[in-house]
Amino acid sequence: MTGDEFKERLAGIGWKQADFTRATGISKVSVSNWANGHPIPEWVDSYLHLAETLRAVIRAFRDDPRLAALDLAEREIFEAAKGR
């Protein structure tokens, strides 16, 4: 992942570099270095993928009135049935 791709993915989940540092505990200097072209550790791609997936799930629940009306137990049953 390039520095530009890193910045684009942060923006895609609505994060700034400071948000990433707070979420991960990584120093501001390291995150800034990555954004400016220094090598990015491989785990960052996986972390951002999880964040992107979580954001998509949250949007799905927020935007689908049928899902928003379900309580947690019903959601678990719905998701389990959907996965079959």
N, C-alpha and C. Protein backbone atom coordinates (compact mmCIF):
# COMPACT_ATOMS: atom_id res chain seq x y z
N MET A 1 0.85 -1.17 0.00
CA MET A 1 0.00 0.00 0.00
C MET A 1 0.90 1.24 0.00
N THR A 2 0.55 2.17 -0.83
CA THR A 2 1.31 3.43 -0.90
C THR A 2 0.77 4.42 0.13
N GLY A 3 1.50 5.49 0.33
CA GLY A 3 1.04 6.54 1.22
C GLY A 3 -0.27 7.15 0.76
N ASP A 4 -0.41 7.35 -0.55
CA ASP A 4 -1.65 7.90 -1.09
C ASP A 4 -2.82 6.94 -0.88
N GLU A 5 -2.58 5.65 -1.07
CA GLU A 5 -3.64 4.66 -0.83
C GLU A 5 -4.04 4.64 0.64
N PHE A 6 -3.06 4.75 1.52
CA PHE A 6 -3.32 4.80 2.95
C PHE A 6 -4.22 6.00 3.28
N LYS A 7 -3.88 7.15 2.75
CA LYS A 7 -4.69 8.35 3.00
C LYS A 7 -6.10 8.20 2.43
N GLU A 8 -6.21 7.61 1.24
CA GLU A 8 -7.53 7.41 0.61
C GLU A 8 -8.39 6.47 1.44
N ARG A 9 -7.78 5.41 1.95
CA ARG A 9 -8.55 4.46 2.75
C ARG A 9 -8.99 5.06 4.07
N LEU A 10 -8.13 5.87 4.67
CA LEU A 10 -8.53 6.58 5.89
C LEU A 10 -9.73 7.47 5.59
N ALA A 11 -9.63 8.22 4.52
CA ALA A 11 -10.72 9.13 4.14
C ALA A 11 -12.00 8.35 3.85
N GLY A 12 -11.85 7.16 3.26
CA GLY A 12 -13.01 6.34 2.93
C GLY A 12 -13.81 5.89 4.14
N ILE A 13 -13.15 5.78 5.28
CA ILE A 13 -13.88 5.41 6.51
C ILE A 13 -14.12 6.63 7.39
N GLY A 14 -13.81 7.81 6.84
CA GLY A 14 -14.09 9.04 7.58
C GLY A 14 -13.08 9.35 8.66
N TRP A 15 -11.87 8.81 8.52
CA TRP A 15 -10.83 9.03 9.53
C TRP A 15 -9.76 9.97 9.01
N LYS A 16 -9.18 10.67 9.95
CA LYS A 16 -7.96 11.44 9.71
C LYS A 16 -6.81 10.63 10.31
N GLN A 17 -5.60 11.05 10.06
CA GLN A 17 -4.45 10.34 10.62
C GLN A 17 -4.54 10.28 12.14
N ALA A 18 -5.00 11.34 12.76
CA ALA A 18 -5.12 11.38 14.23
C ALA A 18 -6.09 10.31 14.73
N ASP A 19 -7.14 10.04 13.98
CA ASP A 19 -8.08 8.99 14.36
C ASP A 19 -7.41 7.62 14.35
N PHE A 20 -6.58 7.40 13.33
CA PHE A 20 -5.87 6.12 13.24
C PHE A 20 -4.90 5.98 14.41
N THR A 21 -4.20 7.05 14.76
CA THR A 21 -3.25 6.97 15.88
C THR A 21 -3.99 6.67 17.19
N ARG A 22 -5.14 7.28 17.40
CA ARG A 22 -5.92 7.02 18.62
C ARG A 22 -6.43 5.58 18.65
N ALA A 23 -6.89 5.09 17.51
CA ALA A 23 -7.46 3.74 17.45
C ALA A 23 -6.41 2.65 17.63
N THR A 24 -5.20 2.91 17.16
CA THR A 24 -4.17 1.87 17.16
C THR A 24 -3.07 2.07 18.19
N GLY A 25 -2.92 3.28 18.69
CA GLY A 25 -1.82 3.55 19.62
C GLY A 25 -0.48 3.77 18.94
N ILE A 26 -0.50 3.86 17.62
CA ILE A 26 0.72 4.11 16.85
C ILE A 26 1.02 5.60 16.92
N SER A 27 2.30 5.95 16.96
CA SER A 27 2.68 7.36 17.09
C SER A 27 2.26 8.18 15.88
N LYS A 28 2.01 9.46 16.13
CA LYS A 28 1.65 10.39 15.05
C LYS A 28 2.75 10.46 14.01
N VAL A 29 3.98 10.40 14.46
CA VAL A 29 5.12 10.49 13.55
C VAL A 29 5.12 9.30 12.58
N SER A 30 4.90 8.09 13.11
CA SER A 30 4.88 6.91 12.23
C SER A 30 3.77 7.01 11.20
N VAL A 31 2.58 7.38 11.64
CA VAL A 31 1.44 7.47 10.72
C VAL A 31 1.69 8.55 9.67
N SER A 32 2.24 9.66 10.08
CA SER A 32 2.58 10.72 9.13
C SER A 32 3.62 10.24 8.13
N ASN A 33 4.59 9.51 8.62
CA ASN A 33 5.62 8.97 7.72
C ASN A 33 5.01 8.04 6.68
N TRP A 34 4.07 7.18 7.11
CA TRP A 34 3.42 6.27 6.16
C TRP A 34 2.68 7.05 5.09
N ALA A 35 1.97 8.09 5.51
CA ALA A 35 1.19 8.90 4.58
C ALA A 35 2.10 9.62 3.58
N ASN A 36 3.35 9.81 3.98
CA ASN A 36 4.29 10.53 3.12
C ASN A 36 5.27 9.61 2.41
N GLY A 37 4.90 8.32 2.31
CA GLY A 37 5.67 7.43 1.45
C GLY A 37 6.61 6.45 2.12
N HIS A 38 6.75 6.49 3.44
CA HIS A 38 7.59 5.49 4.10
C HIS A 38 6.87 4.15 4.09
N PRO A 39 7.61 3.05 4.20
CA PRO A 39 6.98 1.73 4.16
C PRO A 39 5.90 1.56 5.25
N ILE A 40 4.80 0.95 4.86
CA ILE A 40 3.67 0.74 5.75
C ILE A 40 3.64 -0.74 6.13
N PRO A 41 3.57 -1.04 7.42
CA PRO A 41 3.53 -2.45 7.84
C PRO A 41 2.32 -3.17 7.24
N GLU A 42 2.49 -4.46 6.98
CA GLU A 42 1.44 -5.25 6.34
C GLU A 42 0.15 -5.30 7.15
N TRP A 43 0.25 -5.26 8.48
CA TRP A 43 -0.95 -5.37 9.32
C TRP A 43 -1.90 -4.20 9.11
N VAL A 44 -1.38 -3.06 8.64
CA VAL A 44 -2.23 -1.88 8.46
C VAL A 44 -3.32 -2.15 7.43
N ASP A 45 -3.00 -2.88 6.38
CA ASP A 45 -4.00 -3.23 5.37
C ASP A 45 -5.13 -4.04 5.99
N SER A 46 -4.79 -5.03 6.81
CA SER A 46 -5.81 -5.84 7.47
C SER A 46 -6.65 -5.01 8.43
N TYR A 47 -6.00 -4.12 9.17
CA TYR A 47 -6.71 -3.27 10.12
C TYR A 47 -7.72 -2.38 9.39
N LEU A 48 -7.27 -1.77 8.30
CA LEU A 48 -8.16 -0.91 7.53
C LEU A 48 -9.29 -1.71 6.89
N HIS A 49 -9.00 -2.92 6.45
CA HIS A 49 -10.05 -3.77 5.88
C HIS A 49 -11.13 -4.04 6.93
N LEU A 50 -10.73 -4.35 8.15
CA LEU A 50 -11.71 -4.57 9.22
C LEU A 50 -12.52 -3.31 9.50
N ALA A 51 -11.85 -2.17 9.53
CA ALA A 51 -12.55 -0.90 9.77
C ALA A 51 -13.54 -0.61 8.64
N GLU A 52 -13.14 -0.88 7.40
CA GLU A 52 -14.03 -0.66 6.25
C GLU A 52 -15.25 -1.59 6.33
N THR A 53 -15.01 -2.84 6.71
CA THR A 53 -16.09 -3.81 6.82
C THR A 53 -17.06 -3.42 7.93
N LEU A 54 -16.52 -3.03 9.06
CA LEU A 54 -17.36 -2.61 10.18
C LEU A 54 -18.21 -1.39 9.79
N ARG A 55 -17.61 -0.46 9.10
CA ARG A 55 -18.36 0.73 8.66
C ARG A 55 -19.50 0.33 7.73
N ALA A 56 -19.24 -0.62 6.83
CA ALA A 56 -20.28 -1.08 5.91
C ALA A 56 -21.42 -1.76 6.66
N VAL A 57 -21.10 -2.56 7.67
CA VAL A 57 -22.12 -3.24 8.46
C VAL A 57 -22.95 -2.21 9.22
N ILE A 58 -22.30 -1.25 9.82
CA ILE A 58 -23.01 -0.20 10.56
C ILE A 58 -23.95 0.56 9.63
N ARG A 59 -23.47 0.89 8.45
CA ARG A 59 -24.33 1.59 7.47
C ARG A 59 -25.53 0.74 7.08
N ALA A 60 -25.31 -0.56 6.91
CA ALA A 60 -26.41 -1.44 6.53
C ALA A 60 -27.49 -1.45 7.60
N PHE A 61 -27.08 -1.52 8.85
CA PHE A 61 -28.05 -1.51 9.94
C PHE A 61 -28.73 -0.16 10.05
N ARG A 62 -27.98 0.89 9.86
CA ARG A 62 -28.53 2.24 9.99
C ARG A 62 -29.50 2.54 8.85
N ASP A 63 -29.18 2.07 7.65
CA ASP A 63 -29.95 2.44 6.47
C ASP A 63 -31.13 1.52 6.17
N ASP A 64 -31.14 0.34 6.75
CA ASP A 64 -32.23 -0.61 6.49
C ASP A 64 -33.19 -0.57 7.66
N PRO A 65 -34.36 0.04 7.49
CA PRO A 65 -35.29 0.18 8.61
C PRO A 65 -35.72 -1.16 9.19
N ARG A 66 -35.73 -2.20 8.36
CA ARG A 66 -36.09 -3.52 8.90
C ARG A 66 -35.07 -3.99 9.91
N LEU A 67 -33.79 -3.76 9.63
CA LEU A 67 -32.74 -4.18 10.55
C LEU A 67 -32.66 -3.27 11.76
N ALA A 68 -32.87 -2.00 11.57
CA ALA A 68 -32.80 -1.05 12.68
C ALA A 68 -33.86 -1.34 13.73
N ALA A 69 -34.99 -1.92 13.31
CA ALA A 69 -36.08 -2.20 14.24
C ALA A 69 -35.86 -3.48 15.04
N LEU A 70 -34.94 -4.30 14.63
CA LEU A 70 -34.70 -5.57 15.32
C LEU A 70 -33.90 -5.36 16.59
N ASP A 71 -34.20 -6.13 17.61
CA ASP A 71 -33.34 -6.07 18.79
C ASP A 71 -32.12 -6.96 18.53
N LEU A 72 -31.17 -6.95 19.42
CA LEU A 72 -29.91 -7.66 19.21
C LEU A 72 -30.11 -9.15 18.98
N ALA A 73 -30.95 -9.79 19.76
CA ALA A 73 -31.18 -11.23 19.59
C ALA A 73 -31.76 -11.53 18.22
N GLU A 74 -32.71 -10.72 17.79
CA GLU A 74 -33.29 -10.92 16.47
C GLU A 74 -32.25 -10.70 15.38
N ARG A 75 -31.39 -9.73 15.56
CA ARG A 75 -30.33 -9.49 14.58
C ARG A 75 -29.41 -10.70 14.45
N GLU A 76 -29.06 -11.29 15.59
CA GLU A 76 -28.18 -12.45 15.56
C GLU A 76 -28.85 -13.60 14.81
N ILE A 77 -30.12 -13.82 15.07
CA ILE A 77 -30.86 -14.88 14.38
C ILE A 77 -30.94 -14.57 12.89
N PHE A 78 -31.25 -13.34 12.54
CA PHE A 78 -31.35 -12.92 11.16
C PHE A 78 -30.04 -13.14 10.43
N GLU A 79 -28.94 -12.73 11.03
CA GLU A 79 -27.63 -12.87 10.39
C GLU A 79 -27.22 -14.33 10.26
N ALA A 80 -27.53 -15.13 11.28
CA ALA A 80 -27.20 -16.55 11.21
C ALA A 80 -27.98 -17.22 10.09
N ALA A 81 -29.25 -16.90 9.96
CA ALA A 81 -30.07 -17.48 8.91
C ALA A 81 -29.63 -17.01 7.53
N LYS A 82 -29.23 -15.77 7.44
CA LYS A 82 -28.79 -15.20 6.18
C LYS A 82 -27.49 -15.85 5.72
N GLY A 83 -26.66 -16.25 6.66
CA GLY A 83 -25.37 -16.86 6.33
C GLY A 83 -25.47 -18.28 5.83
N ARG A 84 -26.62 -18.91 5.95
CA ARG A 84 -26.79 -20.32 5.53
C ARG A 84 -26.95 -20.46 4.06
